[in-house]
Structure formats: structure tokens, C-alpha cells
Amino acid sequence: MSYSMKGKVKVVGSTLHISETFSKREFVVTDDTNMYPQDIMFQLTKDKCSLIDSLTIGDEVEVSFNLSGKEWVNPKDNSVRYFNTLDAWKIVKVG
């Protein structure tokens, strides 16, 4: 599923090299269009990690992203947890 949202860049993390073929970078965008602002964390992966290099904290952006989810089973006790990920694939500076 593909979505987009607008907001201000709040946090830009460093690129983490998970393996030789996989890296990721997290960043946070604040949506303050409602009474209670929401800080939304996105991730960039592989060759997309550099998409946020030219942006600075406070920049107004529109982020295009995919929503994905997965199940994880703890091998110790077989408990099940679910995780959601917002995978950004395009970031455009607005204004």
C-alpha cells in the first residue's frame, strides 16, 4: 500500500549498515495539522538512505511511503508480536 503525508522534519538518524547488502536510516516527521501533533517515524533502506541528505531539521516535506507489517514469534516462549514499518521511497521539500 502506498501513502503520503506532509510535515516537518524533526529527527534524522545516521545510516546503519546491518549487513554488506542491507542498510537503513530512520527519520521522524511531525504532523501538526491536528490539535495533538504526531511524530511519525519512517525508514529508508538501501539506496534510498541518501534521500534525506539535502534536508535539515524543520524543513517542510511530503513523504511518499509504503506501509508494511510482519509477525514475529519469540522462539523462547512462542509469544507473537506484530510490527509495522513505514518505508519511505520519496521525499520532496515543500514550499
C-alpha atoms as a PDB file:
ATOM      1  CA  MET A   1       0.000   0.000   0.000  1.00  0.00           C
ATOM      2  CA  SER A   2       1.310   3.431  -0.903  1.00  0.00           C
ATOM      3  CA  TYR A   3       0.590   6.606   1.092  1.00  0.00           C
ATOM      4  CA  SER A   4       1.899  10.143   1.525  1.00  0.00           C
ATOM      5  CA  MET A   5       1.939  12.722   4.308  1.00  0.00           C
ATOM      6  CA  LYS A   6       3.220  16.252   4.866  1.00  0.00           C
ATOM      7  CA  GLY A   7       5.017  17.538   7.914  1.00  0.00           C
ATOM      8  CA  LYS A   8       8.233  18.977   9.314  1.00  0.00           C
ATOM      9  CA  VAL A   9      11.466  17.035   9.639  1.00  0.00           C
ATOM     10  CA  LYS A  10      12.151  16.578  13.360  1.00  0.00           C
ATOM     11  CA  VAL A  11      14.909  13.943  13.550  1.00  0.00           C
ATOM     12  CA  VAL A  12      17.341  12.499  11.013  1.00  0.00           C
ATOM     13  CA  GLY A  13      19.240   9.408  12.073  1.00  0.00           C
ATOM     14  CA  SER A  14      22.516   8.033  10.803  1.00  0.00           C
ATOM     15  CA  THR A  15      22.682   5.251   8.257  1.00  0.00           C
ATOM     16  CA  LEU A  16      23.021   1.852   9.942  1.00  0.00           C
ATOM     17  CA  HIS A  17      24.808  -0.851   7.964  1.00  0.00           C
ATOM     18  CA  ILE A  18      23.021  -4.049   9.008  1.00  0.00           C
ATOM     19  CA  SER A  19      24.943  -6.280   6.584  1.00  0.00           C
ATOM     20  CA  GLU A  20      27.068  -5.925   3.464  1.00  0.00           C
ATOM     21  CA  THR A  21      23.919  -5.713   1.331  1.00  0.00           C
ATOM     22  CA  PHE A  22      21.436  -4.001   3.644  1.00  0.00           C
ATOM     23  CA  SER A  23      21.448  -0.572   5.301  1.00  0.00           C
ATOM     24  CA  LYS A  24      18.693   1.542   6.815  1.00  0.00           C
ATOM     25  CA  ARG A  25      18.170   5.073   8.081  1.00  0.00           C
ATOM     26  CA  GLU A  26      15.340   6.339  10.265  1.00  0.00           C
ATOM     27  CA  PHE A  27      13.853   9.816  10.377  1.00  0.00           C
ATOM     28  CA  VAL A  28      10.903  11.485  12.090  1.00  0.00           C
ATOM     29  CA  VAL A  29       8.373  13.880  10.575  1.00  0.00           C
ATOM     30  CA  THR A  30       5.938  15.871  12.746  1.00  0.00           C
ATOM     31  CA  ASP A  31       2.355  16.191  11.524  1.00  0.00           C
ATOM     32  CA  ASP A  32       0.927  19.228  13.319  1.00  0.00           C
ATOM     33  CA  THR A  33      -2.311  19.548  11.351  1.00  0.00           C
ATOM     34  CA  ASN A  34      -4.359  18.282  14.305  1.00  0.00           C
ATOM     35  CA  MET A  35      -4.815  19.507  17.861  1.00  0.00           C
ATOM     36  CA  TYR A  36      -2.278  16.910  19.038  1.00  0.00           C
ATOM     37  CA  PRO A  37       0.854  16.839  16.842  1.00  0.00           C
ATOM     38  CA  GLN A  38       2.049  13.381  15.827  1.00  0.00           C
ATOM     39  CA  ASP A  39       5.712  12.385  15.441  1.00  0.00           C
ATOM     40  CA  ILE A  40       5.862   9.706  12.759  1.00  0.00           C
ATOM     41  CA  MET A  41       8.985   7.580  12.253  1.00  0.00           C
ATOM     42  CA  PHE A  42       9.900   6.406   8.761  1.00  0.00           C
ATOM     43  CA  GLN A  43      12.741   4.304   7.462  1.00  0.00           C
ATOM     44  CA  LEU A  44      14.804   4.495   4.305  1.00  0.00           C
ATOM     45  CA  THR A  45      16.573   1.372   3.080  1.00  0.00           C
ATOM     46  CA  LYS A  46      19.469   0.504   0.796  1.00  0.00           C
ATOM     47  CA  ASP A  47      19.987   3.103  -1.973  1.00  0.00           C
ATOM     48  CA  LYS A  48      17.159   5.281  -0.564  1.00  0.00           C
ATOM     49  CA  CYS A  49      19.176   6.173   2.593  1.00  0.00           C
ATOM     50  CA  SER A  50      20.587   9.262   0.895  1.00  0.00           C
ATOM     51  CA  LEU A  51      17.165  10.758   0.036  1.00  0.00           C
ATOM     52  CA  ILE A  52      17.194  12.871   3.181  1.00  0.00           C
ATOM     53  CA  ASP A  53      20.806  14.113   2.909  1.00  0.00           C
ATOM     54  CA  SER A  54      19.832  17.511   1.480  1.00  0.00           C
ATOM     55  CA  LEU A  55      17.176  18.229   4.124  1.00  0.00           C
ATOM     56  CA  THR A  56      17.548  19.852   7.528  1.00  0.00           C
ATOM     57  CA  ILE A  57      15.577  19.806  10.754  1.00  0.00           C
ATOM     58  CA  GLY A  58      12.464  21.971  10.373  1.00  0.00           C
ATOM     59  CA  ASP A  59      12.102  21.547   6.608  1.00  0.00           C
ATOM     60  CA  GLU A  60       8.530  21.043   5.417  1.00  0.00           C
ATOM     61  CA  VAL A  61       8.346  17.838   3.370  1.00  0.00           C
ATOM     62  CA  GLU A  62       5.967  15.440   1.694  1.00  0.00           C
ATOM     63  CA  VAL A  63       6.924  11.812   2.271  1.00  0.00           C
ATOM     64  CA  SER A  64       5.687   9.027  -0.001  1.00  0.00           C
ATOM     65  CA  PHE A  65       5.842   5.646   1.703  1.00  0.00           C
ATOM     66  CA  ASN A  66       4.645   2.069   1.785  1.00  0.00           C
ATOM     67  CA  LEU A  67       3.047   0.545   4.873  1.00  0.00           C
ATOM     68  CA  SER A  68       4.124  -2.982   5.685  1.00  0.00           C
ATOM     69  CA  GLY A  69       3.648  -5.272   8.640  1.00  0.00           C
ATOM     70  CA  LYS A  70       5.018  -8.555   9.834  1.00  0.00           C
ATOM     71  CA  GLU A  71       4.554 -11.153  12.505  1.00  0.00           C
ATOM     72  CA  TRP A  72       7.394 -12.206  14.799  1.00  0.00           C
ATOM     73  CA  VAL A  73       7.315 -15.290  17.010  1.00  0.00           C
ATOM     74  CA  ASN A  74       9.575 -15.262  20.069  1.00  0.00           C
ATOM     75  CA  PRO A  75      11.439 -18.597  19.994  1.00  0.00           C
ATOM     76  CA  LYS A  76      11.746 -18.647  23.795  1.00  0.00           C
ATOM     77  CA  ASP A  77       8.038 -18.685  24.636  1.00  0.00           C
ATOM     78  CA  ASN A  78       6.246 -18.731  21.252  1.00  0.00           C
ATOM     79  CA  SER A  79       4.600 -15.381  22.018  1.00  0.00           C
ATOM     80  CA  VAL A  80       3.569 -13.464  18.920  1.00  0.00           C
ATOM     81  CA  ARG A  81       4.207  -9.768  18.209  1.00  0.00           C
ATOM     82  CA  TYR A  82       3.328  -7.643  15.219  1.00  0.00           C
ATOM     83  CA  PHE A  83       5.403  -4.809  13.780  1.00  0.00           C
ATOM     84  CA  ASN A  84       4.538  -2.064  11.298  1.00  0.00           C
ATOM     85  CA  THR A  85       7.045  -0.265   9.119  1.00  0.00           C
ATOM     86  CA  LEU A  86       6.698   2.927   7.097  1.00  0.00           C
ATOM     87  CA  ASP A  87       9.159   2.530   4.216  1.00  0.00           C
ATOM     88  CA  ALA A  88       9.782   5.914   2.590  1.00  0.00           C
ATOM     89  CA  TRP A  89      10.623   5.887  -1.106  1.00  0.00           C
ATOM     90  CA  LYS A  90      10.316   9.584  -1.991  1.00  0.00           C
ATOM     91  CA  ILE A  91      10.841  12.814  -0.015  1.00  0.00           C
ATOM     92  CA  VAL A  92      10.037  16.197  -1.533  1.00  0.00           C
ATOM     93  CA  LYS A  93      10.720  19.548   0.120  1.00  0.00           C
ATOM     94  CA  VAL A  94       7.521  21.644   0.175  1.00  0.00           C
ATOM     95  CA  GLY A  95       7.372  25.424  -0.075  1.00  0.00           C
END
